[in-house]
């Protein structure tokens, strides 16, 4: 990797700002290898121009492109090990990032720092757990894995409390139809996470190389590639929620409410007999109608505090 960017590194050591345009181009590339080259260049240059690199990464951490934001974290691996305090302005900007790619890099930094500065990481995690942010909680769960077990147990307790608080009923998760998105496995991502983890474990077991041998004893194994592809489709079973750009784009219920400027079907006097809601019945029976009745009668706050049908 260093050989691929040696010229850039040498120029960057001489003058960081002469090399930055090319590093930035690599960092924003669709090719993961070029993105790694960008990070490698920043790491090597930071050995000689630490403060300059950190100052520039603080700016990159605010960029719209998640690849650039990820580079702002990934390019500080060396600094993180040497002087973790210096990277705080960068990771503070990234601690709630929506991009999983960025969050993975921040968590990796925390694990790298843990080896020599476990208390630094533990203190930071205690602070971040108070944010009660789901993206931050993800970073924390992944970032504490290299800490001593005693510290891990303490922080897991704090993170779990934060997660429970983050999962409080939220008005924005009430779909127009009355169903509560927070109860949906697409929104929770539980199946997606399980499928992702199983695919990873299958790759580690190298089952793709030996499934044909297994099929001699159990014929079902001949369809292993199909199974693996299905798991891949399950990994994508995620949703932001009906009101946050999720759900089917063709949903007639959402379009109807938005057209009539309704907060939800509970504000319409015809929801009991509305045909647009019929497509929900095969999966949800009468649950959405029960929810709509509750919201209409008792209001949103009471609905959020009480039982929600699914």
Protein backbone atom coordinates (compact mmCIF):
# COMPACT_ATOMS: atom_id res chain seq x y z
CA UNK A 1 0.00 0.00 0.00
CA UNK A 2 2.78 2.48 0.91
CA UNK A 3 4.54 1.81 -2.41
CA UNK A 4 1.36 2.82 -4.27
CA UNK A 5 1.40 6.28 -2.72
CA UNK A 6 5.08 6.80 -1.94
CA UNK A 7 5.33 9.81 -4.23
CA UNK A 8 2.30 11.43 -2.61
CA UNK A 9 3.71 10.74 0.86
CA UNK A 10 7.05 12.34 -0.01
CA UNK A 11 5.31 15.42 -1.44
CA UNK A 12 3.00 15.60 1.57
CA UNK A 13 5.90 15.48 4.00
CA UNK A 14 7.51 18.35 2.11
CA UNK A 15 4.21 20.29 1.85
CA UNK A 16 0.94 18.75 3.01
CA UNK A 17 -1.21 21.16 1.04
CA UNK A 18 0.50 20.29 -2.25
CA UNK A 19 -0.46 16.63 -1.76
CA UNK A 20 -3.95 17.10 -0.32
CA UNK A 21 -5.89 17.44 -3.62
CA UNK A 22 -4.62 14.06 -4.81
CA UNK A 23 -5.20 12.44 -1.41
CA UNK A 24 -8.72 13.83 -1.36
CA UNK A 25 -9.39 12.41 -4.83
CA UNK A 26 -8.27 8.97 -3.64
CA UNK A 27 -10.35 9.27 -0.47
CA UNK A 28 -13.54 9.99 -2.43
CA UNK A 29 -13.00 7.16 -4.93
CA UNK A 30 -15.51 4.35 -5.46
CA UNK A 31 -12.55 1.93 -5.36
CA UNK A 32 -11.93 0.81 -1.76
CA UNK A 33 -8.25 0.23 -2.51
CA UNK A 34 -7.76 3.86 -3.48
CA UNK A 35 -9.57 4.94 -0.32
CA UNK A 36 -7.15 2.80 1.70
CA UNK A 37 -4.26 4.40 -0.18
CA UNK A 38 -5.55 7.82 0.91
CA UNK A 39 -5.67 6.74 4.54
CA UNK A 40 -2.19 5.23 4.31
CA UNK A 41 -0.80 8.48 2.87
CA UNK A 42 -2.35 10.52 5.68
CA UNK A 43 -1.02 8.14 8.33
CA UNK A 44 2.53 8.33 6.95
CA UNK A 45 2.49 12.10 6.45
CA UNK A 46 1.13 12.60 9.98
CA UNK A 47 4.34 11.10 11.37
CA UNK A 48 6.11 14.30 10.25
CA UNK A 49 3.26 16.80 10.06
CA UNK A 50 0.93 15.66 12.80
CA UNK A 51 -0.70 18.98 13.69
CA UNK A 52 -1.25 19.96 10.06
CA UNK A 53 -2.91 16.64 9.22
CA UNK A 54 -5.16 16.81 12.29
CA UNK A 55 -6.21 20.39 11.42
CA UNK A 56 -7.19 19.33 7.91
CA UNK A 57 -9.04 16.23 9.13
CA UNK A 58 -11.15 18.42 11.42
CA UNK A 59 -12.38 20.13 8.25
CA UNK A 60 -12.87 16.83 6.38
CA UNK A 61 -15.00 15.50 9.24
CA UNK A 62 -17.71 18.00 8.23
CA UNK A 63 -17.77 16.98 4.57
CA UNK A 64 -20.97 15.70 2.95
CA UNK A 65 -19.22 12.73 1.30
CA UNK A 66 -19.06 9.83 3.83
CA UNK A 67 -15.89 8.56 2.14
CA UNK A 68 -14.15 11.85 2.97
CA UNK A 69 -15.49 11.78 6.53
CA UNK A 70 -14.26 8.22 6.91
CA UNK A 71 -10.80 9.30 5.69
CA UNK A 72 -10.72 11.98 8.39
CA UNK A 73 -10.90 9.20 10.96
CA UNK A 74 -8.97 6.47 9.16
CA UNK A 75 -6.10 8.83 8.33
CA UNK A 76 -5.50 9.50 12.02
CA UNK A 77 -4.75 5.91 13.07
CA UNK A 78 -1.15 6.72 13.89
CA UNK A 79 -1.99 9.94 15.72
CA UNK A 80 -4.62 8.09 17.74
CA UNK A 81 -2.04 5.66 19.05
CA UNK A 82 0.56 8.36 19.77
CA UNK A 83 -1.58 11.26 21.02
CA UNK A 84 -5.25 10.29 21.33
CA UNK A 85 -6.23 13.69 22.75
CA UNK A 86 -5.37 15.30 19.41
CA UNK A 87 -8.00 13.36 17.47
CA UNK A 88 -10.86 14.33 19.78
CA UNK A 89 -12.04 17.28 17.64
CA UNK A 90 -12.43 14.88 14.70
CA UNK A 91 -14.19 11.96 16.37
CA UNK A 92 -16.44 14.32 18.33
CA UNK A 93 -17.79 15.45 14.95
CA UNK A 94 -18.24 11.83 13.79
CA UNK A 95 -19.69 10.26 16.93
CA UNK A 96 -23.31 10.44 15.69
CA UNK A 97 -22.57 9.86 11.99
CA UNK A 98 -25.33 8.21 9.95
CA UNK A 99 -22.83 6.34 7.76
CA UNK A 100 -21.95 2.83 8.95
CA UNK A 101 -18.69 3.12 6.97
CA UNK A 102 -17.70 6.14 9.07
CA UNK A 103 -18.85 4.59 12.36
CA UNK A 104 -16.77 1.45 11.73
CA UNK A 105 -13.67 3.62 11.37
CA UNK A 106 -14.35 5.56 14.58
CA UNK A 107 -14.92 2.31 16.49
CA UNK A 108 -11.64 0.93 15.09
CA UNK A 109 -9.85 4.03 16.38
CA UNK A 110 -11.25 3.45 19.87
CA UNK A 111 -10.04 -0.16 19.79
CA UNK A 112 -6.59 0.94 18.62
CA UNK A 113 -6.31 3.52 21.39
CA UNK A 114 -7.48 0.99 24.00
CA UNK A 115 -4.24 -0.97 23.90
CA UNK A 116 -2.20 1.77 25.57
CA UNK A 117 -4.82 4.25 26.79
CA UNK A 118 -7.75 2.22 28.05
CA UNK A 119 -8.83 4.83 30.59
CA UNK A 120 -8.95 7.50 27.89
CA UNK A 121 -11.35 5.34 25.86
CA UNK A 122 -13.41 4.39 28.92
CA UNK A 123 -13.85 8.04 29.94
CA UNK A 124 -14.87 8.99 26.41
CA UNK A 125 -17.38 6.12 26.24
CA UNK A 126 -18.92 7.14 29.57
CA UNK A 127 -19.40 10.62 28.17
CA UNK A 128 -20.81 9.48 24.83
CA UNK A 129 -23.23 7.00 26.42
CA UNK A 130 -25.07 9.99 27.91
CA UNK A 131 -25.97 11.20 24.42
CA UNK A 132 -28.58 8.45 24.03
CA UNK A 133 -27.93 8.37 20.28
CA UNK A 134 -28.34 5.10 18.37
CA UNK A 135 -25.38 5.80 16.03
CA UNK A 136 -23.14 6.65 18.96
CA UNK A 137 -24.28 3.53 20.79
CA UNK A 138 -23.27 1.43 17.78
CA UNK A 139 -19.77 2.93 17.88
CA UNK A 140 -19.53 2.31 21.61
CA UNK A 141 -20.58 -1.35 21.36
CA UNK A 142 -17.90 -1.99 18.74
CA UNK A 143 -15.27 0.34 20.17
CA UNK A 144 -14.97 -1.14 23.68
CA UNK A 145 -13.98 -4.64 22.58
CA UNK A 146 -10.25 -4.21 23.33
CA UNK A 147 -10.75 -2.76 26.80
CA UNK A 148 -10.12 -4.86 29.95
CA UNK A 149 -13.14 -7.04 30.78
CA UNK A 150 -14.00 -5.10 33.92
CA UNK A 151 -14.24 -1.84 31.99
CA UNK A 152 -16.20 -3.55 29.22
CA UNK A 153 -18.82 -4.79 31.68
CA UNK A 154 -19.22 -1.36 33.24
CA UNK A 155 -19.61 0.31 29.85
CA UNK A 156 -21.98 -2.34 28.50
CA UNK A 157 -24.32 -1.51 31.37
CA UNK A 158 -24.19 2.20 30.51
CA UNK A 159 -24.65 1.52 26.80
CA UNK A 160 -27.65 -0.74 27.44
CA UNK A 161 -29.29 1.99 29.52
CA UNK A 162 -28.64 4.44 26.70
CA UNK A 163 -30.13 2.04 24.14
CA UNK A 164 -33.28 1.58 26.22
CA UNK A 165 -33.63 5.34 26.47
CA UNK A 166 -33.01 5.74 22.74
CA UNK A 167 -35.80 3.25 22.06
CA UNK A 168 -38.44 5.27 23.88
CA UNK A 169 -41.65 5.58 21.88
CA UNK A 170 -41.22 8.34 19.30
CA UNK A 171 -44.01 10.32 17.65
CA UNK A 172 -42.08 10.38 14.36
CA UNK A 173 -42.31 6.58 14.24
CA UNK A 174 -46.11 6.55 14.02
CA UNK A 175 -46.84 5.74 10.38
CA UNK A 176 -49.71 7.44 8.59
CA UNK A 177 -51.64 4.15 8.71
CA UNK A 178 -51.41 3.96 12.52
CA UNK A 179 -48.79 1.21 12.74
CA UNK A 180 -45.78 1.99 14.91
CA UNK A 181 -42.54 1.74 12.87
CA UNK A 182 -40.52 1.18 16.03
CA UNK A 183 -42.10 -2.30 16.29
CA UNK A 184 -41.16 -3.27 12.73
CA UNK A 185 -38.27 -5.69 12.18
CA UNK A 186 -37.24 -3.65 9.12
CA UNK A 187 -36.78 -0.58 11.33
CA UNK A 188 -35.10 -2.50 14.16
CA UNK A 189 -32.74 -4.18 11.72
CA UNK A 190 -32.72 -7.37 13.81
CA UNK A 191 -33.07 -9.79 10.90
CA UNK A 192 -30.62 -7.74 8.82
CA UNK A 193 -28.05 -7.87 11.61
CA UNK A 194 -28.48 -11.62 12.11
CA UNK A 195 -28.16 -12.25 8.36
CA UNK A 196 -25.04 -10.07 8.17
CA UNK A 197 -23.41 -11.89 11.09
CA UNK A 198 -24.30 -15.33 9.71
CA UNK A 199 -22.87 -14.47 6.29
CA UNK A 200 -19.66 -13.33 7.98
CA UNK A 201 -19.46 -16.55 10.01
CA UNK A 202 -20.09 -18.66 6.90
CA UNK A 203 -17.27 -16.88 5.09
CA UNK A 204 -14.95 -17.44 8.04
CA UNK A 205 -15.85 -21.14 7.96
CA UNK A 206 -15.11 -21.12 4.19
CA UNK A 207 -18.31 -22.98 3.55
CA UNK A 208 -18.33 -21.69 -0.03
CA UNK A 209 -15.33 -23.97 -0.66
CA UNK A 210 -16.67 -27.12 0.98
CA UNK A 211 -20.46 -27.06 0.56
CA UNK A 212 -20.24 -29.47 -2.41
CA UNK A 213 -18.62 -32.06 -0.17
CA UNK A 214 -21.38 -31.56 2.39
CA UNK A 215 -24.00 -32.12 -0.31
CA UNK A 216 -22.86 -35.75 -0.56
CA UNK A 217 -24.33 -36.28 2.91
CA UNK A 218 -27.19 -33.76 2.80
CA UNK A 219 -28.49 -32.92 -0.66
CA UNK A 220 -29.83 -29.57 0.54
CA UNK A 221 -26.26 -28.21 0.60
CA UNK A 222 -26.17 -28.10 -3.17
CA UNK A 223 -28.35 -24.98 -2.87
CA UNK A 224 -25.91 -23.27 -0.50
CA UNK A 225 -25.09 -20.41 -2.96
CA UNK A 226 -28.79 -19.58 -3.16
CA UNK A 227 -29.03 -19.60 0.64
CA UNK A 228 -26.06 -17.24 0.87
CA UNK A 229 -27.64 -14.88 -1.68
CA UNK A 230 -30.93 -14.89 0.24
CA UNK A 231 -29.06 -13.91 3.39
CA UNK A 232 -27.50 -11.10 1.37
CA UNK A 233 -30.97 -9.86 0.48
CA UNK A 234 -31.95 -10.03 4.16
CA UNK A 235 -28.99 -7.80 5.07
CA UNK A 236 -30.77 -5.06 3.11
CA UNK A 237 -33.99 -5.45 5.11
CA UNK A 238 -33.69 -2.08 6.83
CA UNK A 239 -36.01 0.90 6.94
CA UNK A 240 -35.76 4.45 8.34
CA UNK A 241 -39.46 4.61 9.12
CA UNK A 242 -42.45 5.81 7.12
CA UNK A 243 -41.92 9.50 7.88
CA UNK A 244 -38.16 9.46 7.33
CA UNK A 245 -37.97 8.25 3.76
CA UNK A 246 -38.65 4.57 4.48
CA UNK A 247 -41.53 2.31 3.58
CA UNK A 248 -42.74 1.49 0.05
CA UNK A 249 -42.40 4.53 -2.25
CA UNK A 250 -45.74 3.68 -3.87
CA UNK A 251 -47.70 3.79 -0.58
CA UNK A 252 -51.15 5.25 -1.37
CA UNK A 253 -51.84 5.89 2.32
CA UNK A 254 -48.88 8.22 2.74
CA UNK A 255 -49.64 10.02 -0.54
CA UNK A 256 -53.28 10.48 0.47
CA UNK A 257 -52.41 11.94 3.89
CA UNK A 258 -49.80 14.26 2.44
CA UNK A 259 -52.18 15.41 -0.29
CA UNK A 260 -54.93 16.18 2.24
CA UNK A 261 -52.41 17.61 4.75
CA UNK A 262 -53.31 15.06 7.44
CA UNK A 263 -50.95 13.98 10.21
CA UNK A 264 -52.31 10.48 9.81
CA UNK A 265 -55.40 8.47 8.93
CA UNK A 266 -56.79 9.07 12.43
CA UNK A 267 -57.64 12.61 11.32
CA UNK A 268 -59.84 11.22 8.54
CA UNK A 269 -63.45 10.23 9.29
CA UNK A 270 -63.36 7.47 6.66
CA UNK A 271 -60.46 5.32 7.92
CA UNK A 272 -62.80 2.57 9.20
CA UNK A 273 -63.95 1.81 5.64
CA UNK A 274 -61.01 3.13 3.58
CA UNK A 275 -59.95 0.66 0.86
CA UNK A 276 -56.43 2.06 0.78
CA UNK A 277 -55.79 0.34 4.13
CA UNK A 278 -56.88 -3.09 2.92
CA UNK A 279 -53.41 -4.17 1.73
CA UNK A 280 -52.28 -4.16 5.38
CA UNK A 281 -54.75 -6.84 6.45
CA UNK A 282 -52.85 -9.96 5.29
CA UNK A 283 -49.89 -9.12 7.57
CA UNK A 284 -51.48 -7.01 10.29
CA UNK A 285 -55.11 -8.05 10.45
CA UNK A 286 -56.99 -5.26 12.22
CA UNK A 287 -53.99 -3.90 14.17
CA UNK A 288 -53.73 -0.62 12.27
CA UNK A 289 -57.45 0.07 12.73
CA UNK A 290 -57.16 -0.55 16.50
CA UNK A 291 -54.23 1.87 16.66
CA UNK A 292 -56.07 4.51 14.65
CA UNK A 293 -59.06 4.26 16.97
CA UNK A 294 -56.82 4.71 20.03
CA UNK A 295 -55.04 7.72 18.58
CA UNK A 296 -58.31 9.31 17.50
CA UNK A 297 -59.92 8.78 20.92
CA UNK A 298 -57.02 9.34 23.33
CA UNK A 299 -54.41 11.28 21.36
CA UNK A 300 -50.82 10.60 20.30
CA UNK A 301 -49.18 10.86 23.73
CA UNK A 302 -51.53 8.33 25.28
CA UNK A 303 -51.03 6.02 22.31
CA UNK A 304 -47.24 6.17 22.66
CA UNK A 305 -47.42 5.33 26.36
CA UNK A 306 -49.88 2.47 25.95
CA UNK A 307 -50.14 -0.78 24.03
CA UNK A 308 -49.51 -0.57 20.30
CA UNK A 309 -50.92 -3.26 18.02
CA UNK A 310 -48.88 -4.79 15.22
